[in-house]
Amino acid sequence: MGEGGRVNPWHPPEGEKERHLRWMEMMWERHQSNAREEARTREVIGVFEVLAELSRRRVEAPHFPPRESPW
């Protein structure tokens, strides 16, 4: 505490700095996790875009001659 029982913002109480650093580390880990999840989402969306493009193409079924019975 500072003068007159007030907290000095430039000198946080003991333990406050460690708590703040843990909070910052947790926020960084969350940010990294979100970034990885966004990258995975973009990858999955890309796969679906390719599938959508393939589904729009008209494909003619191959013609096979009728099979003859071996009997």
PDB file of N, CA and C in Angstrom:
ATOM      1  N   MET A   1       0.832  -1.177   0.000  1.00  0.00           N
ATOM      2  CA  MET A   1       0.000   0.000   0.000  1.00  0.00           C
ATOM      3  C   MET A   1       0.874   1.237   0.000  1.00  0.00           C
ATOM      4  N   GLY A   2       0.323   2.278  -0.555  1.00  0.00           N
ATOM      5  CA  GLY A   2       1.055   3.527  -0.628  1.00  0.00           C
ATOM      6  C   GLY A   2       0.767   4.393   0.580  1.00  0.00           C
ATOM      7  N   GLU A   3       0.928   5.681   0.385  1.00  0.00           N
ATOM      8  CA  GLU A   3       0.690   6.618   1.476  1.00  0.00           C
ATOM      9  C   GLU A   3      -0.786   6.650   1.831  1.00  0.00           C
ATOM     10  N   GLY A   4      -1.102   6.728   3.108  1.00  0.00           N
ATOM     11  CA  GLY A   4      -2.477   6.857   3.557  1.00  0.00           C
ATOM     12  C   GLY A   4      -3.323   5.621   3.290  1.00  0.00           C
ATOM     13  N   GLY A   5      -2.703   4.454   3.130  1.00  0.00           N
ATOM     14  CA  GLY A   5      -3.455   3.222   2.929  1.00  0.00           C
ATOM     15  C   GLY A   5      -3.942   3.015   1.501  1.00  0.00           C
ATOM     16  N   ARG A   6      -3.508   3.854   0.570  1.00  0.00           N
ATOM     17  CA  ARG A   6      -3.938   3.700  -0.824  1.00  0.00           C
ATOM     18  C   ARG A   6      -2.985   2.770  -1.568  1.00  0.00           C
ATOM     19  N   VAL A   7      -3.519   2.102  -2.595  1.00  0.00           N
ATOM     20  CA  VAL A   7      -2.703   1.215  -3.427  1.00  0.00           C
ATOM     21  C   VAL A   7      -2.019   2.055  -4.488  1.00  0.00           C
ATOM     22  N   ASN A   8      -0.714   1.879  -4.614  1.00  0.00           N
ATOM     23  CA  ASN A   8       0.051   2.587  -5.632  1.00  0.00           C
ATOM     24  C   ASN A   8      -0.012   1.768  -6.917  1.00  0.00           C
ATOM     25  N   PRO A   9      -0.600   2.305  -8.003  1.00  0.00           N
ATOM     26  CA  PRO A   9      -0.720   1.523  -9.237  1.00  0.00           C
ATOM     27  C   PRO A   9       0.624   1.180  -9.868  1.00  0.00           C
ATOM     28  N   TRP A  10       1.684   1.919  -9.525  1.00  0.00           N
ATOM     29  CA  TRP A  10       2.999   1.651 -10.102  1.00  0.00           C
ATOM     30  C   TRP A  10       3.743   0.568  -9.343  1.00  0.00           C
ATOM     31  N   HIS A  11       3.289   0.238  -8.174  1.00  0.00           N
ATOM     32  CA  HIS A  11       3.902  -0.818  -7.366  1.00  0.00           C
ATOM     33  C   HIS A  11       2.787  -1.709  -6.830  1.00  0.00           C
ATOM     34  N   PRO A  12       2.348  -2.689  -7.634  1.00  0.00           N
ATOM     35  CA  PRO A  12       1.247  -3.545  -7.187  1.00  0.00           C
ATOM     36  C   PRO A  12       1.650  -4.358  -5.964  1.00  0.00           C
ATOM     37  N   PRO A  13       0.671  -4.770  -5.167  1.00  0.00           N
ATOM     38  CA  PRO A  13       0.976  -5.575  -3.978  1.00  0.00           C
ATOM     39  C   PRO A  13       1.636  -6.896  -4.367  1.00  0.00           C
ATOM     40  N   GLU A  14       2.330  -7.510  -3.423  1.00  0.00           N
ATOM     41  CA  GLU A  14       2.992  -8.789  -3.670  1.00  0.00           C
ATOM     42  C   GLU A  14       1.965  -9.810  -4.152  1.00  0.00           C
ATOM     43  N   GLY A  15       2.334 -10.599  -5.120  1.00  0.00           N
ATOM     44  CA  GLY A  15       1.440 -11.624  -5.648  1.00  0.00           C
ATOM     45  C   GLY A  15       0.566 -11.117  -6.782  1.00  0.00           C
ATOM     46  N   GLU A  16       0.324  -9.833  -6.815  1.00  0.00           N
ATOM     47  CA  GLU A  16      -0.521  -9.256  -7.866  1.00  0.00           C
ATOM     48  C   GLU A  16       0.170  -9.361  -9.228  1.00  0.00           C
ATOM     49  N   LYS A  17       1.484  -9.143  -9.235  1.00  0.00           N
ATOM     50  CA  LYS A  17       2.237  -9.228 -10.488  1.00  0.00           C
ATOM     51  C   LYS A  17       2.186 -10.652 -11.042  1.00  0.00           C
ATOM     52  N   GLU A  18       2.387 -11.650 -10.177  1.00  0.00           N
ATOM     53  CA  GLU A  18       2.346 -13.043 -10.611  1.00  0.00           C
ATOM     54  C   GLU A  18       0.960 -13.406 -11.124  1.00  0.00           C
ATOM     55  N   ARG A  19      -0.070 -12.924 -10.438  1.00  0.00           N
ATOM     56  CA  ARG A  19      -1.438 -13.196 -10.866  1.00  0.00           C
ATOM     57  C   ARG A  19      -1.699 -12.581 -12.241  1.00  0.00           C
ATOM     58  N   HIS A  20      -1.209 -11.370 -12.424  1.00  0.00           N
ATOM     59  CA  HIS A  20      -1.387 -10.692 -13.707  1.00  0.00           C
ATOM     60  C   HIS A  20      -0.632 -11.433 -14.812  1.00  0.00           C
ATOM     61  N   LEU A  21       0.578 -11.894 -14.530  1.00  0.00           N
ATOM     62  CA  LEU A  21       1.349 -12.644 -15.521  1.00  0.00           C
ATOM     63  C   LEU A  21       0.663 -13.962 -15.879  1.00  0.00           C
ATOM     64  N   ARG A  22       0.092 -14.654 -14.876  1.00  0.00           N
ATOM     65  CA  ARG A  22      -0.649 -15.885 -15.159  1.00  0.00           C
ATOM     66  C   ARG A  22      -1.863 -15.586 -16.035  1.00  0.00           C
ATOM     67  N   TRP A  23      -2.545 -14.477 -15.749  1.00  0.00           N
ATOM     68  CA  TRP A  23      -3.706 -14.080 -16.546  1.00  0.00           C
ATOM     69  C   TRP A  23      -3.283 -13.799 -17.989  1.00  0.00           C
ATOM     70  N   MET A  24      -2.168 -13.085 -18.166  1.00  0.00           N
ATOM     71  CA  MET A  24      -1.679 -12.791 -19.514  1.00  0.00           C
ATOM     72  C   MET A  24      -1.315 -14.080 -20.251  1.00  0.00           C
ATOM     73  N   GLU A  25      -0.677 -15.016 -19.548  1.00  0.00           N
ATOM     74  CA  GLU A  25      -0.318 -16.291 -20.162  1.00  0.00           C
ATOM     75  C   GLU A  25      -1.571 -17.063 -20.580  1.00  0.00           C
ATOM     76  N   MET A  26      -2.592 -17.061 -19.721  1.00  0.00           N
ATOM     77  CA  MET A  26      -3.842 -17.734 -20.040  1.00  0.00           C
ATOM     78  C   MET A  26      -4.499 -17.098 -21.272  1.00  0.00           C
ATOM     79  N   MET A  27      -4.484 -15.779 -21.347  1.00  0.00           N
ATOM     80  CA  MET A  27      -5.073 -15.093 -22.499  1.00  0.00           C
ATOM     81  C   MET A  27      -4.288 -15.416 -23.771  1.00  0.00           C
ATOM     82  N   TRP A  28      -2.969 -15.511 -23.686  1.00  0.00           N
ATOM     83  CA  TRP A  28      -2.144 -15.849 -24.852  1.00  0.00           C
ATOM     84  C   TRP A  28      -2.459 -17.271 -25.323  1.00  0.00           C
ATOM     85  N   GLU A  29      -2.571 -18.209 -24.373  1.00  0.00           N
ATOM     86  CA  GLU A  29      -2.899 -19.584 -24.732  1.00  0.00           C
ATOM     87  C   GLU A  29      -4.272 -19.654 -25.391  1.00  0.00           C
ATOM     88  N   ARG A  30      -5.223 -18.887 -24.885  1.00  0.00           N
ATOM     89  CA  ARG A  30      -6.556 -18.858 -25.487  1.00  0.00           C
ATOM     90  C   ARG A  30      -6.477 -18.304 -26.906  1.00  0.00           C
ATOM     91  N   HIS A  31      -5.685 -17.258 -27.083  1.00  0.00           N
ATOM     92  CA  HIS A  31      -5.517 -16.665 -28.416  1.00  0.00           C
ATOM     93  C   HIS A  31      -4.921 -17.695 -29.376  1.00  0.00           C
ATOM     94  N   GLN A  32      -3.894 -18.409 -28.937  1.00  0.00           N
ATOM     95  CA  GLN A  32      -3.251 -19.420 -29.777  1.00  0.00           C
ATOM     96  C   GLN A  32      -4.238 -20.535 -30.121  1.00  0.00           C
ATOM     97  N   SER A  33      -5.018 -20.951 -29.137  1.00  0.00           N
ATOM     98  CA  SER A  33      -6.012 -22.002 -29.361  1.00  0.00           C
ATOM     99  C   SER A  33      -7.050 -21.544 -30.379  1.00  0.00           C
ATOM    100  N   ASN A  34      -7.504 -20.309 -30.250  1.00  0.00           N
ATOM    101  CA  ASN A  34      -8.477 -19.765 -31.203  1.00  0.00           C
ATOM    102  C   ASN A  34      -7.885 -19.699 -32.600  1.00  0.00           C
ATOM    103  N   ALA A  35      -6.625 -19.314 -32.703  1.00  0.00           N
ATOM    104  CA  ALA A  35      -5.971 -19.220 -34.012  1.00  0.00           C
ATOM    105  C   ALA A  35      -5.877 -20.601 -34.661  1.00  0.00           C
ATOM    106  N   ARG A  36      -5.533 -21.626 -33.864  1.00  0.00           N
ATOM    107  CA  ARG A  36      -5.466 -22.987 -34.411  1.00  0.00           C
ATOM    108  C   ARG A  36      -6.850 -23.451 -34.866  1.00  0.00           C
ATOM    109  N   GLU A  37      -7.862 -23.154 -34.075  1.00  0.00           N
ATOM    110  CA  GLU A  37      -9.227 -23.560 -34.425  1.00  0.00           C
ATOM    111  C   GLU A  37      -9.695 -22.855 -35.697  1.00  0.00           C
ATOM    112  N   GLU A  38      -9.355 -21.586 -35.843  1.00  0.00           N
ATOM    113  CA  GLU A  38      -9.718 -20.854 -37.058  1.00  0.00           C
ATOM    114  C   GLU A  38      -9.015 -21.449 -38.280  1.00  0.00           C
ATOM    115  N   ALA A  39      -7.764 -21.855 -38.122  1.00  0.00           N
ATOM    116  CA  ALA A  39      -7.035 -22.472 -39.235  1.00  0.00           C
ATOM    117  C   ALA A  39      -7.691 -23.796 -39.629  1.00  0.00           C
ATOM    118  N   ARG A  40      -8.082 -24.599 -38.631  1.00  0.00           N
ATOM    119  CA  ARG A  40      -8.767 -25.855 -38.930  1.00  0.00           C
ATOM    120  C   ARG A  40     -10.097 -25.599 -39.621  1.00  0.00           C
ATOM    121  N   THR A  41     -10.813 -24.583 -39.166  1.00  0.00           N
ATOM    122  CA  THR A  41     -12.103 -24.247 -39.774  1.00  0.00           C
ATOM    123  C   THR A  41     -11.917 -23.854 -41.231  1.00  0.00           C
ATOM    124  N   ARG A  42     -10.896 -23.030 -41.510  1.00  0.00           N
ATOM    125  CA  ARG A  42     -10.631 -22.637 -42.900  1.00  0.00           C
ATOM    126  C   ARG A  42     -10.312 -23.860 -43.756  1.00  0.00           C
ATOM    127  N   GLU A  43      -9.566 -24.796 -43.198  1.00  0.00           N
ATOM    128  CA  GLU A  43      -9.212 -26.011 -43.934  1.00  0.00           C
ATOM    129  C   GLU A  43     -10.462 -26.836 -44.260  1.00  0.00           C
ATOM    130  N   VAL A  44     -11.348 -27.001 -43.287  1.00  0.00           N
ATOM    131  CA  VAL A  44     -12.579 -27.765 -43.508  1.00  0.00           C
ATOM    132  C   VAL A  44     -13.467 -27.063 -44.527  1.00  0.00           C
ATOM    133  N   ILE A  45     -13.581 -25.747 -44.426  1.00  0.00           N
ATOM    134  CA  ILE A  45     -14.379 -24.993 -45.395  1.00  0.00           C
ATOM    135  C   ILE A  45     -13.804 -25.180 -46.795  1.00  0.00           C
ATOM    136  N   GLY A  46     -12.490 -25.191 -46.913  1.00  0.00           N
ATOM    137  CA  GLY A  46     -11.849 -25.419 -48.207  1.00  0.00           C
ATOM    138  C   GLY A  46     -12.222 -26.771 -48.791  1.00  0.00           C
ATOM    139  N   VAL A  47     -12.262 -27.796 -47.958  1.00  0.00           N
ATOM    140  CA  VAL A  47     -12.645 -29.131 -48.428  1.00  0.00           C
ATOM    141  C   VAL A  47     -14.082 -29.103 -48.940  1.00  0.00           C
ATOM    142  N   PHE A  48     -14.976 -28.452 -48.192  1.00  0.00           N
ATOM    143  CA  PHE A  48     -16.368 -28.381 -48.626  1.00  0.00           C
ATOM    144  C   PHE A  48     -16.526 -27.556 -49.898  1.00  0.00           C
ATOM    145  N   GLU A  49     -15.708 -26.532 -50.066  1.00  0.00           N
ATOM    146  CA  GLU A  49     -15.769 -25.751 -51.307  1.00  0.00           C
ATOM    147  C   GLU A  49     -15.375 -26.607 -52.505  1.00  0.00           C
ATOM    148  N   VAL A  50     -14.346 -27.430 -52.343  1.00  0.00           N
ATOM    149  CA  VAL A  50     -13.934 -28.337 -53.425  1.00  0.00           C
ATOM    150  C   VAL A  50     -15.052 -29.336 -53.720  1.00  0.00           C
ATOM    151  N   LEU A  51     -15.647 -29.890 -52.675  1.00  0.00           N
ATOM    152  CA  LEU A  51     -16.746 -30.838 -52.876  1.00  0.00           C
ATOM    153  C   LEU A  51     -17.931 -30.171 -53.571  1.00  0.00           C
ATOM    154  N   ALA A  52     -18.237 -28.935 -53.193  1.00  0.00           N
ATOM    155  CA  ALA A  52     -19.341 -28.210 -53.833  1.00  0.00           C
ATOM    156  C   ALA A  52     -19.041 -27.989 -55.309  1.00  0.00           C
ATOM    157  N   GLU A  53     -17.811 -27.631 -55.618  1.00  0.00           N
ATOM    158  CA  GLU A  53     -17.421 -27.419 -57.020  1.00  0.00           C
ATOM    159  C   GLU A  53     -17.550 -28.720 -57.811  1.00  0.00           C
ATOM    160  N   LEU A  54     -17.098 -29.810 -57.238  1.00  0.00           N
ATOM    161  CA  LEU A  54     -17.212 -31.103 -57.918  1.00  0.00           C
ATOM    162  C   LEU A  54     -18.675 -31.502 -58.121  1.00  0.00           C
ATOM    163  N   SER A  55     -19.519 -31.189 -57.155  1.00  0.00           N
ATOM    164  CA  SER A  55     -20.928 -31.579 -57.273  1.00  0.00           C
ATOM    165  C   SER A  55     -21.657 -30.767 -58.341  1.00  0.00           C
ATOM    166  N   ARG A  56     -21.141 -29.612 -58.720  1.00  0.00           N
ATOM    167  CA  ARG A  56     -21.780 -28.783 -59.741  1.00  0.00           C
ATOM    168  C   ARG A  56     -21.458 -29.260 -61.158  1.00  0.00           C
ATOM    169  N   ARG A  57     -20.442 -30.059 -61.302  1.00  0.00           N
ATOM    170  CA  ARG A  57     -20.055 -30.546 -62.629  1.00  0.00           C
ATOM    171  C   ARG A  57     -21.020 -31.625 -63.098  1.00  0.00           C
ATOM    172  N   ARG A  58     -21.332 -31.556 -64.373  1.00  0.00           N
ATOM    173  CA  ARG A  58     -22.192 -32.597 -64.942  1.00  0.00           C
ATOM    174  C   ARG A  58     -21.285 -33.724 -65.425  1.00  0.00           C
ATOM    175  N   VAL A  59     -21.595 -34.894 -64.972  1.00  0.00           N
ATOM    176  CA  VAL A  59     -20.798 -36.058 -65.336  1.00  0.00           C
ATOM    177  C   VAL A  59     -21.723 -37.060 -66.016  1.00  0.00           C
ATOM    178  N   GLU A  60     -21.324 -37.478 -67.189  1.00  0.00           N
ATOM    179  CA  GLU A  60     -22.090 -38.504 -67.905  1.00  0.00           C
ATOM    180  C   GLU A  60     -21.683 -39.874 -67.377  1.00  0.00           C
ATOM    181  N   ALA A  61     -22.687 -40.670 -67.110  1.00  0.00           N
ATOM    182  CA  ALA A  61     -22.406 -42.032 -66.654  1.00  0.00           C
ATOM    183  C   ALA A  61     -21.838 -42.830 -67.820  1.00  0.00           C
ATOM    184  N   PRO A  62     -20.846 -43.656 -67.576  1.00  0.00           N
ATOM    185  CA  PRO A  62     -20.281 -44.458 -68.664  1.00  0.00           C
ATOM    186  C   PRO A  62     -21.303 -45.489 -69.157  1.00  0.00           C
ATOM    187  N   HIS A  63     -21.229 -45.774 -70.430  1.00  0.00           N
ATOM    188  CA  HIS A  63     -22.143 -46.763 -71.008  1.00  0.00           C
ATOM    189  C   HIS A  63     -21.412 -48.096 -71.123  1.00  0.00           C
ATOM    190  N   PHE A  64     -21.988 -49.097 -70.514  1.00  0.00           N
ATOM    191  CA  PHE A  64     -21.426 -50.439 -70.581  1.00  0.00           C
ATOM    192  C   PHE A  64     -22.385 -51.317 -71.379  1.00  0.00           C
ATOM    193  N   PRO A  65     -21.864 -52.141 -72.269  1.00  0.00           N
ATOM    194  CA  PRO A  65     -22.760 -53.043 -73.006  1.00  0.00           C
ATOM    195  C   PRO A  65     -23.404 -54.040 -72.047  1.00  0.00           C
ATOM    196  N   PRO A  66     -24.618 -54.475 -72.359  1.00  0.00           N
ATOM    197  CA  PRO A  66     -25.276 -55.443 -71.467  1.00  0.00           C
ATOM    198  C   PRO A  66     -24.443 -56.715 -71.340  1.00  0.00           C
ATOM    199  N   ARG A  67     -24.460 -57.250 -70.169  1.00  0.00           N
ATOM    200  CA  ARG A  67     -23.700 -58.486 -69.936  1.00  0.00           C
ATOM    201  C   ARG A  67     -24.467 -59.670 -70.499  1.00  0.00           C
ATOM    202  N   GLU A  68     -23.722 -60.583 -71.020  1.00  0.00           N
ATOM    203  CA  GLU A  68     -24.347 -61.811 -71.523  1.00  0.00           C
ATOM    204  C   GLU A  68     -24.253 -62.886 -70.458  1.00  0.00           C
ATOM    205  N   SER A  69     -25.305 -63.624 -70.341  1.00  0.00           N
ATOM    206  CA  SER A  69     -25.339 -64.683 -69.348  1.00  0.00           C
ATOM    207  C   SER A  69     -24.381 -65.804 -69.765  1.00  0.00           C
ATOM    208  N   PRO A  70     -23.606 -66.335 -68.835  1.00  0.00           N
ATOM    209  CA  PRO A  70     -22.687 -67.421 -69.196  1.00  0.00           C
ATOM    210  C   PRO A  70     -23.417 -68.739 -69.428  1.00  0.00           C
ATOM    211  N   TRP A  71     -24.698 -68.874 -69.231  1.00  0.00           N
ATOM    212  CA  TRP A  71     -25.440 -70.129 -69.414  1.00  0.00           C
ATOM    213  C   TRP A  71     -25.853 -70.307 -70.809  1.00  0.00           C
TER     214      TRP A  71
END
